[in-house]
PDB file of N, CA and C in Angstrom:
ATOM      1  N   MET A   1     -94.247  34.742  30.615  1.00  0.00           N
ATOM      2  CA  MET A   1     -93.328  35.256  29.625  1.00  0.00           C
ATOM      3  C   MET A   1     -91.917  34.725  29.893  1.00  0.00           C
ATOM      4  N   PHE A   2     -91.456  34.889  31.123  1.00  0.00           N
ATOM      5  CA  PHE A   2     -90.103  34.456  31.458  1.00  0.00           C
ATOM      6  C   PHE A   2     -89.998  32.937  31.419  1.00  0.00           C
ATOM      7  N   ALA A   3     -91.033  32.247  31.892  1.00  0.00           N
ATOM      8  CA  ALA A   3     -91.010  30.784  31.918  1.00  0.00           C
ATOM      9  C   ALA A   3     -90.950  30.221  30.505  1.00  0.00           C
ATOM     10  N   GLU A   4     -91.700  30.824  29.590  1.00  0.00           N
ATOM     11  CA  GLU A   4     -91.674  30.365  28.200  1.00  0.00           C
ATOM     12  C   GLU A   4     -90.305  30.592  27.573  1.00  0.00           C
ATOM     13  N   HIS A   5     -89.710  31.745  27.840  1.00  0.00           N
ATOM     14  CA  HIS A   5     -88.383  32.037  27.301  1.00  0.00           C
ATOM     15  C   HIS A   5     -87.347  31.068  27.876  1.00  0.00           C
ATOM     16  N   LEU A   6     -87.451  30.776  29.167  1.00  0.00           N
ATOM     17  CA  LEU A   6     -86.532  29.836  29.804  1.00  0.00           C
ATOM     18  C   LEU A   6     -86.692  28.438  29.213  1.00  0.00           C
ATOM     19  N   HIS A   7     -87.927  28.027  28.975  1.00  0.00           N
ATOM     20  CA  HIS A   7     -88.185  26.718  28.380  1.00  0.00           C
ATOM     21  C   HIS A   7     -87.577  26.631  26.969  1.00  0.00           C
ATOM     22  N   ASN A   8     -87.748  27.678  26.168  1.00  0.00           N
ATOM     23  CA  ASN A   8     -87.173  27.702  24.819  1.00  0.00           C
ATOM     24  C   ASN A   8     -85.648  27.665  24.853  1.00  0.00           C
ATOM     25  N   THR A   9     -85.053  28.365  25.804  1.00  0.00           N
ATOM     26  CA  THR A   9     -83.595  28.388  25.932  1.00  0.00           C
ATOM     27  C   THR A   9     -83.072  27.007  26.321  1.00  0.00           C
ATOM     28  N   ILE A  10     -83.727  26.351  27.260  1.00  0.00           N
ATOM     29  CA  ILE A  10     -83.300  25.014  27.679  1.00  0.00           C
ATOM     30  C   ILE A  10     -83.430  24.026  26.522  1.00  0.00           C
ATOM     31  N   ALA A  11     -84.512  24.144  25.753  1.00  0.00           N
ATOM     32  CA  ALA A  11     -84.683  23.259  24.592  1.00  0.00           C
ATOM     33  C   ALA A  11     -83.565  23.481  23.575  1.00  0.00           C
ATOM     34  N   LEU A  12     -83.180  24.733  23.353  1.00  0.00           N
ATOM     35  CA  LEU A  12     -82.089  25.041  22.426  1.00  0.00           C
ATOM     36  C   LEU A  12     -80.770  24.465  22.931  1.00  0.00           C
ATOM     37  N   LEU A  13     -80.520  24.601  24.228  1.00  0.00           N
ATOM     38  CA  LEU A  13     -79.279  24.078  24.802  1.00  0.00           C
ATOM     39  C   LEU A  13     -79.223  22.557  24.720  1.00  0.00           C
ATOM     40  N   LYS A  14     -80.355  21.894  24.937  1.00  0.00           N
ATOM     41  CA  LYS A  14     -80.378  20.433  24.864  1.00  0.00           C
ATOM     42  C   LYS A  14     -80.191  19.922  23.444  1.00  0.00           C
ATOM     43  N   SER A  15     -80.663  20.681  22.466  1.00  0.00           N
ATOM     44  CA  SER A  15     -80.550  20.225  21.084  1.00  0.00           C
ATOM     45  C   SER A  15     -79.178  20.505  20.474  1.00  0.00           C
ATOM     46  N   ASN A  16     -78.396  21.395  21.059  1.00  0.00           N
ATOM     47  CA  ASN A  16     -77.062  21.745  20.540  1.00  0.00           C
ATOM     48  C   ASN A  16     -76.013  21.711  21.657  1.00  0.00           C
ATOM     49  N   PRO A  17     -75.657  20.536  22.183  1.00  0.00           N
ATOM     50  CA  PRO A  17     -74.747  20.508  23.337  1.00  0.00           C
ATOM     51  C   PRO A  17     -73.299  20.873  23.005  1.00  0.00           C
ATOM     52  N   VAL A  18     -72.803  20.527  21.826  1.00  0.00           N
ATOM     53  CA  VAL A  18     -71.391  20.785  21.507  1.00  0.00           C
ATOM     54  C   VAL A  18     -71.103  22.291  21.430  1.00  0.00           C
ATOM     55  N   PRO A  19     -71.892  23.076  20.672  1.00  0.00           N
ATOM     56  CA  PRO A  19     -71.618  24.519  20.655  1.00  0.00           C
ATOM     57  C   PRO A  19     -71.793  25.174  22.024  1.00  0.00           C
ATOM     58  N   VAL A  20     -72.713  24.656  22.811  1.00  0.00           N
ATOM     59  CA  VAL A  20     -72.933  25.220  24.149  1.00  0.00           C
ATOM     60  C   VAL A  20     -71.709  24.995  25.028  1.00  0.00           C
ATOM     61  N   PHE A  21     -71.161  23.775  25.009  1.00  0.00           N
ATOM     62  CA  PHE A  21     -69.965  23.511  25.808  1.00  0.00           C
ATOM     63  C   PHE A  21     -68.767  24.311  25.300  1.00  0.00           C
ATOM     64  N   ALA A  22     -68.646  24.491  23.986  1.00  0.00           N
ATOM     65  CA  ALA A  22     -67.560  25.293  23.433  1.00  0.00           C
ATOM     66  C   ALA A  22     -67.684  26.750  23.879  1.00  0.00           C
ATOM     67  N   LEU A  23     -68.902  27.286  23.803  1.00  0.00           N
ATOM     68  CA  LEU A  23     -69.118  28.664  24.228  1.00  0.00           C
ATOM     69  C   LEU A  23     -68.868  28.820  25.729  1.00  0.00           C
ATOM     70  N   ALA A  24     -69.310  27.856  26.514  1.00  0.00           N
ATOM     71  CA  ALA A  24     -69.081  27.904  27.959  1.00  0.00           C
ATOM     72  C   ALA A  24     -67.584  27.852  28.267  1.00  0.00           C
ATOM     73  N   GLY A  25     -66.834  27.042  27.518  1.00  0.00           N
ATOM     74  CA  GLY A  25     -65.386  26.968  27.713  1.00  0.00           C
ATOM     75  C   GLY A  25     -64.698  28.289  27.396  1.00  0.00           C
ATOM     76  N   VAL A  26     -65.128  28.924  26.316  1.00  0.00           N
ATOM     77  CA  VAL A  26     -64.548  30.222  25.950  1.00  0.00           C
ATOM     78  C   VAL A  26     -64.854  31.268  27.020  1.00  0.00           C
ATOM     79  N   VAL A  27     -66.079  31.285  27.494  1.00  0.00           N
ATOM     80  CA  VAL A  27     -66.458  32.263  28.523  1.00  0.00           C
ATOM     81  C   VAL A  27     -65.680  32.008  29.814  1.00  0.00           C
ATOM     82  N   LEU A  28     -65.561  30.749  30.214  1.00  0.00           N
ATOM     83  CA  LEU A  28     -64.789  30.443  31.429  1.00  0.00           C
ATOM     84  C   LEU A  28     -63.318  30.818  31.271  1.00  0.00           C
ATOM     85  N   ALA A  29     -62.754  30.587  30.084  1.00  0.00           N
ATOM     86  CA  ALA A  29     -61.358  30.974  29.848  1.00  0.00           C
ATOM     87  C   ALA A  29     -61.203  32.489  29.933  1.00  0.00           C
ATOM     88  N   LEU A  30     -62.147  33.219  29.351  1.00  0.00           N
ATOM     89  CA  LEU A  30     -62.073  34.683  29.430  1.00  0.00           C
ATOM     90  C   LEU A  30     -62.212  35.171  30.871  1.00  0.00           C
ATOM     91  N   ILE A  31     -63.084  34.538  31.634  1.00  0.00           N
ATOM     92  CA  ILE A  31     -63.241  34.929  33.040  1.00  0.00           C
ATOM     93  C   ILE A  31     -61.961  34.641  33.815  1.00  0.00           C
ATOM     94  N   TYR A  32     -61.296  33.524  33.499  1.00  0.00           N
ATOM     95  CA  TYR A  32     -60.070  33.167  34.195  1.00  0.00           C
ATOM     96  C   TYR A  32     -58.913  34.101  33.828  1.00  0.00           C
ATOM     97  N   PHE A  33     -58.752  34.409  32.529  1.00  0.00           N
ATOM     98  CA  PHE A  33     -57.605  35.191  32.085  1.00  0.00           C
ATOM     99  C   PHE A  33     -57.833  36.703  32.155  1.00  0.00           C
ATOM    100  N   LYS A  34     -59.056  37.152  32.041  1.00  0.00           N
ATOM    101  CA  LYS A  34     -59.352  38.584  32.084  1.00  0.00           C
ATOM    102  C   LYS A  34     -60.558  38.830  32.997  1.00  0.00           C
ATOM    103  N   PRO A  35     -60.392  38.628  34.295  1.00  0.00           N
ATOM    104  CA  PRO A  35     -61.548  38.728  35.200  1.00  0.00           C
ATOM    105  C   PRO A  35     -62.107  40.147  35.326  1.00  0.00           C
ATOM    106  N   ARG A  36     -61.258  41.138  35.283  1.00  0.00           N
ATOM    107  CA  ARG A  36     -61.734  42.517  35.452  1.00  0.00           C
ATOM    108  C   ARG A  36     -62.638  42.941  34.290  1.00  0.00           C
ATOM    109  N   GLU A  37     -62.198  42.686  33.062  1.00  0.00           N
ATOM    110  CA  GLU A  37     -62.982  43.059  31.888  1.00  0.00           C
ATOM    111  C   GLU A  37     -64.286  42.260  31.820  1.00  0.00           C
ATOM    112  N   MET A  38     -64.209  40.970  32.129  1.00  0.00           N
ATOM    113  CA  MET A  38     -65.409  40.137  32.098  1.00  0.00           C
ATOM    114  C   MET A  38     -66.381  40.546  33.204  1.00  0.00           C
ATOM    115  N   GLY A  39     -65.866  40.976  34.333  1.00  0.00           N
ATOM    116  CA  GLY A  39     -66.740  41.467  35.404  1.00  0.00           C
ATOM    117  C   GLY A  39     -67.501  42.706  34.960  1.00  0.00           C
ATOM    118  N   LYS A  40     -66.809  43.599  34.268  1.00  0.00           N
ATOM    119  CA  LYS A  40     -67.470  44.792  33.740  1.00  0.00           C
ATOM    120  C   LYS A  40     -68.545  44.427  32.725  1.00  0.00           C
ATOM    121  N   ILE A  41     -68.223  43.495  31.843  1.00  0.00           N
ATOM    122  CA  ILE A  41     -69.187  43.061  30.824  1.00  0.00           C
ATOM    123  C   ILE A  41     -70.382  42.384  31.488  1.00  0.00           C
ATOM    124  N   LEU A  42     -70.116  41.571  32.509  1.00  0.00           N
ATOM    125  CA  LEU A  42     -71.187  40.890  33.225  1.00  0.00           C
ATOM    126  C   LEU A  42     -72.109  41.896  33.918  1.00  0.00           C
ATOM    127  N   LEU A  43     -71.532  42.888  34.575  1.00  0.00           N
ATOM    128  CA  LEU A  43     -72.353  43.920  35.235  1.00  0.00           C
ATOM    129  C   LEU A  43     -73.148  44.729  34.219  1.00  0.00           C
ATOM    130  N   PHE A  44     -72.536  45.039  33.092  1.00  0.00           N
ATOM    131  CA  PHE A  44     -73.254  45.775  32.053  1.00  0.00           C
ATOM    132  C   PHE A  44     -74.413  44.940  31.506  1.00  0.00           C
ATOM    133  N   GLY A  45     -74.170  43.660  31.278  1.00  0.00           N
ATOM    134  CA  GLY A  45     -75.234  42.769  30.806  1.00  0.00           C
ATOM    135  C   GLY A  45     -76.365  42.661  31.815  1.00  0.00           C
ATOM    136  N   LEU A  46     -76.027  42.586  33.088  1.00  0.00           N
ATOM    137  CA  LEU A  46     -77.043  42.551  34.138  1.00  0.00           C
ATOM    138  C   LEU A  46     -77.849  43.841  34.163  1.00  0.00           C
ATOM    139  N   PHE A  47     -77.171  44.975  34.007  1.00  0.00           N
ATOM    140  CA  PHE A  47     -77.847  46.266  33.971  1.00  0.00           C
ATOM    141  C   PHE A  47     -78.815  46.349  32.792  1.00  0.00           C
ATOM    142  N   ILE A  48     -78.373  45.927  31.617  1.00  0.00           N
ATOM    143  CA  ILE A  48     -79.226  45.947  30.426  1.00  0.00           C
ATOM    144  C   ILE A  48     -80.430  45.035  30.621  1.00  0.00           C
ATOM    145  N   THR A  49     -80.218  43.868  31.236  1.00  0.00           N
ATOM    146  CA  THR A  49     -81.309  42.932  31.490  1.00  0.00           C
ATOM    147  C   THR A  49     -82.343  43.541  32.425  1.00  0.00           C
ATOM    148  N   VAL A  50     -81.897  44.200  33.478  1.00  0.00           N
ATOM    149  CA  VAL A  50     -82.820  44.827  34.433  1.00  0.00           C
ATOM    150  C   VAL A  50     -83.595  45.961  33.760  1.00  0.00           C
ATOM    151  N   VAL A  51     -82.923  46.768  32.970  1.00  0.00           N
ATOM    152  CA  VAL A  51     -83.597  47.863  32.263  1.00  0.00           C
ATOM    153  C   VAL A  51     -84.640  47.307  31.299  1.00  0.00           C
ATOM    154  N   PHE A  52     -84.284  46.271  30.548  1.00  0.00           N
ATOM    155  CA  PHE A  52     -85.222  45.661  29.615  1.00  0.00           C
ATOM    156  C   PHE A  52     -86.422  45.079  30.357  1.00  0.00           C
ATOM    157  N   TYR A  53     -86.175  44.455  31.509  1.00  0.00           N
ATOM    158  CA  TYR A  53     -87.266  43.896  32.307  1.00  0.00           C
ATOM    159  C   TYR A  53     -88.237  44.985  32.743  1.00  0.00           C
ATOM    160  N   PHE A  54     -87.718  46.098  33.234  1.00  0.00           N
ATOM    161  CA  PHE A  54     -88.595  47.179  33.686  1.00  0.00           C
ATOM    162  C   PHE A  54     -89.344  47.828  32.528  1.00  0.00           C
ATOM    163  N   ILE A  55     -88.713  47.933  31.370  1.00  0.00           N
ATOM    164  CA  ILE A  55     -89.394  48.501  30.209  1.00  0.00           C
ATOM    165  C   ILE A  55     -90.548  47.611  29.783  1.00  0.00           C
ATOM    166  N   THR A  56     -90.325  46.294  29.721  1.00  0.00           N
ATOM    167  CA  THR A  56     -91.412  45.394  29.336  1.00  0.00           C
ATOM    168  C   THR A  56     -92.508  45.362  30.382  1.00  0.00           C
ATOM    169  N   LEU A  57     -92.143  45.428  31.653  1.00  0.00           N
ATOM    170  CA  LEU A  57     -93.135  45.459  32.723  1.00  0.00           C
ATOM    171  C   LEU A  57     -93.989  46.715  32.621  1.00  0.00           C
ATOM    172  N   PHE A  58     -93.359  47.846  32.362  1.00  0.00           N
ATOM    173  CA  PHE A  58     -94.080  49.111  32.220  1.00  0.00           C
ATOM    174  C   PHE A  58     -94.977  49.098  30.985  1.00  0.00           C
ATOM    175  N   ALA A  59     -94.496  48.533  29.886  1.00  0.00           N
ATOM    176  CA  ALA A  59     -95.289  48.463  28.656  1.00  0.00           C
ATOM    177  C   ALA A  59     -96.515  47.580  28.851  1.00  0.00           C
ATOM    178  N   GLU A  60     -96.360  46.462  29.549  1.00  0.00           N
ATOM    179  CA  GLU A  60     -97.502  45.590  29.824  1.00  0.00           C
ATOM    180  C   GLU A  60     -98.525  46.294  30.710  1.00  0.00           C
ATOM    181  N   THR A  61     -98.052  47.065  31.671  1.00  0.00           N
ATOM    182  CA  THR A  61     -98.951  47.800  32.550  1.00  0.00           C
ATOM    183  C   THR A  61     -99.753  48.825  31.764  1.00  0.00           C
ATOM    184  N   LEU A  62     -99.096  49.529  30.854  1.00  0.00           N
ATOM    185  CA  LEU A  62     -99.801  50.506  30.030  1.00  0.00           C
ATOM    186  C   LEU A  62    -100.824  49.832  29.127  1.00  0.00           C
ATOM    187  N   ASP A  63    -100.464  48.681  28.585  1.00  0.00           N
ATOM    188  CA  ASP A  63    -101.369  47.953  27.694  1.00  0.00           C
ATOM    189  C   ASP A  63    -102.610  47.485  28.453  1.00  0.00           C
ATOM    190  N   ILE A  64    -102.423  46.966  29.645  1.00  0.00           N
ATOM    191  CA  ILE A  64    -103.560  46.503  30.457  1.00  0.00           C
ATOM    192  C   ILE A  64    -104.447  47.683  30.823  1.00  0.00           C
ATOM    193  N   GLY A  65    -103.841  48.810  31.195  1.00  0.00           N
ATOM    194  CA  GLY A  65    -104.623  49.995  31.547  1.00  0.00           C
ATOM    195  C   GLY A  65    -105.434  50.525  30.389  1.00  0.00           C
ATOM    196  N   SER A  66    -104.859  50.534  29.201  1.00  0.00           N
ATOM    197  CA  SER A  66    -105.599  51.045  28.036  1.00  0.00           C
ATOM    198  C   SER A  66    -106.735  50.103  27.664  1.00  0.00           C
ATOM    199  N   LYS A  67    -106.534  48.786  27.812  1.00  0.00           N
ATOM    200  CA  LYS A  67    -107.614  47.826  27.531  1.00  0.00           C
ATOM    201  C   LYS A  67    -108.770  48.017  28.513  1.00  0.00           C
ATOM    202  N   GLN A  68    -108.446  48.226  29.788  1.00  0.00           N
ATOM    203  CA  GLN A  68    -109.497  48.437  30.783  1.00  0.00           C
ATOM    204  C   GLN A  68    -110.246  49.736  30.507  1.00  0.00           C
ATOM    205  N   LYS A  69    -109.531  50.756  30.077  1.00  0.00           N
ATOM    206  CA  LYS A  69    -110.170  52.024  29.751  1.00  0.00           C
ATOM    207  C   LYS A  69    -111.131  51.844  28.580  1.00  0.00           C
ATOM    208  N   ASP A  70    -110.703  51.123  27.549  1.00  0.00           N
ATOM    209  CA  ASP A  70    -111.576  50.866  26.394  1.00  0.00           C
ATOM    210  C   ASP A  70    -112.823  50.093  26.808  1.00  0.00           C
ATOM    211  N   GLN A  71    -112.660  49.122  27.681  1.00  0.00           N
ATOM    212  CA  GLN A  71    -113.814  48.348  28.145  1.00  0.00           C
ATOM    213  C   GLN A  71    -114.792  49.238  28.902  1.00  0.00           C
ATOM    214  N   MET A  72    -114.286  50.131  29.714  1.00  0.00           N
ATOM    215  CA  MET A  72    -115.161  51.022  30.487  1.00  0.00           C
ATOM    216  C   MET A  72    -115.898  51.983  29.556  1.00  0.00           C
ATOM    217  N   ILE A  73    -115.241  52.447  28.500  1.00  0.00           N
ATOM    218  CA  ILE A  73    -115.896  53.346  27.548  1.00  0.00           C
ATOM    219  C   ILE A  73    -117.054  52.632  26.876  1.00  0.00           C
ATOM    220  N   TYR A  74    -116.824  51.379  26.440  1.00  0.00           N
ATOM    221  CA  TYR A  74    -117.902  50.626  25.785  1.00  0.00           C
ATOM    222  C   TYR A  74    -119.041  50.325  26.753  1.00  0.00           C
ATOM    223  N   LYS A  75    -118.729  50.042  28.008  1.00  0.00           N
ATOM    224  CA  LYS A  75    -119.770  49.790  29.001  1.00  0.00           C
ATOM    225  C   LYS A  75    -120.601  51.053  29.215  1.00  0.00           C
ATOM    226  N   SER A  76    -119.942  52.203  29.265  1.00  0.00           N
ATOM    227  CA  SER A  76    -120.652  53.473  29.454  1.00  0.00           C
ATOM    228  C   SER A  76    -121.556  53.762  28.261  1.00  0.00           C
ATOM    229  N   ARG A  77    -121.091  53.492  27.057  1.00  0.00           N
ATOM    230  CA  ARG A  77    -121.910  53.716  25.853  1.00  0.00           C
ATOM    231  C   ARG A  77    -123.129  52.790  25.859  1.00  0.00           C
ATOM    232  N   ASN A  78    -122.951  51.551  26.291  1.00  0.00           N
ATOM    233  CA  ASN A  78    -124.070  50.617  26.337  1.00  0.00           C
ATOM    234  C   ASN A  78    -125.117  51.076  27.350  1.00  0.00           C
ATOM    235  N   VAL A  79    -124.703  51.624  28.462  1.00  0.00           N
ATOM    236  CA  VAL A  79    -125.629  52.107  29.479  1.00  0.00           C
ATOM    237  C   VAL A  79    -126.381  53.328  28.956  1.00  0.00           C
ATOM    238  N   ILE A  80    -125.701  54.231  28.252  1.00  0.00           N
ATOM    239  CA  ILE A  80    -126.341  55.424  27.722  1.00  0.00           C
ATOM    240  C   ILE A  80    -127.348  55.057  26.626  1.00  0.00           C
ATOM    241  N   ASP A  81    -127.037  54.080  25.804  1.00  0.00           N
ATOM    242  CA  ASP A  81    -127.923  53.674  24.718  1.00  0.00           C
ATOM    243  C   ASP A  81    -129.203  53.007  25.213  1.00  0.00           C
ATOM    244  N   GLU A  82    -129.169  52.432  26.396  1.00  0.00           N
ATOM    245  CA  GLU A  82    -130.360  51.708  26.903  1.00  0.00           C
ATOM    246  C   GLU A  82    -131.401  52.617  27.373  1.00  0.00           C
TER     247      GLU A  82
END
């Protein structure tokens, strides 16, 4: 999941270099002129990223568990029918 997203992001960056450099310049200027505010925004973004990661990890775990439960139910029904 993460590798595919990273690959798509790199492809987007390679296909649009001018806007990427402009955005990077703006971000670097903001970090230079307003480091305290940008540090807060960076920490908040990191926090949101970690929360999103754990939510998706938990959702995938629930999905895998429910699929395994469904498979076991069908296996049990097949054994009873025989």
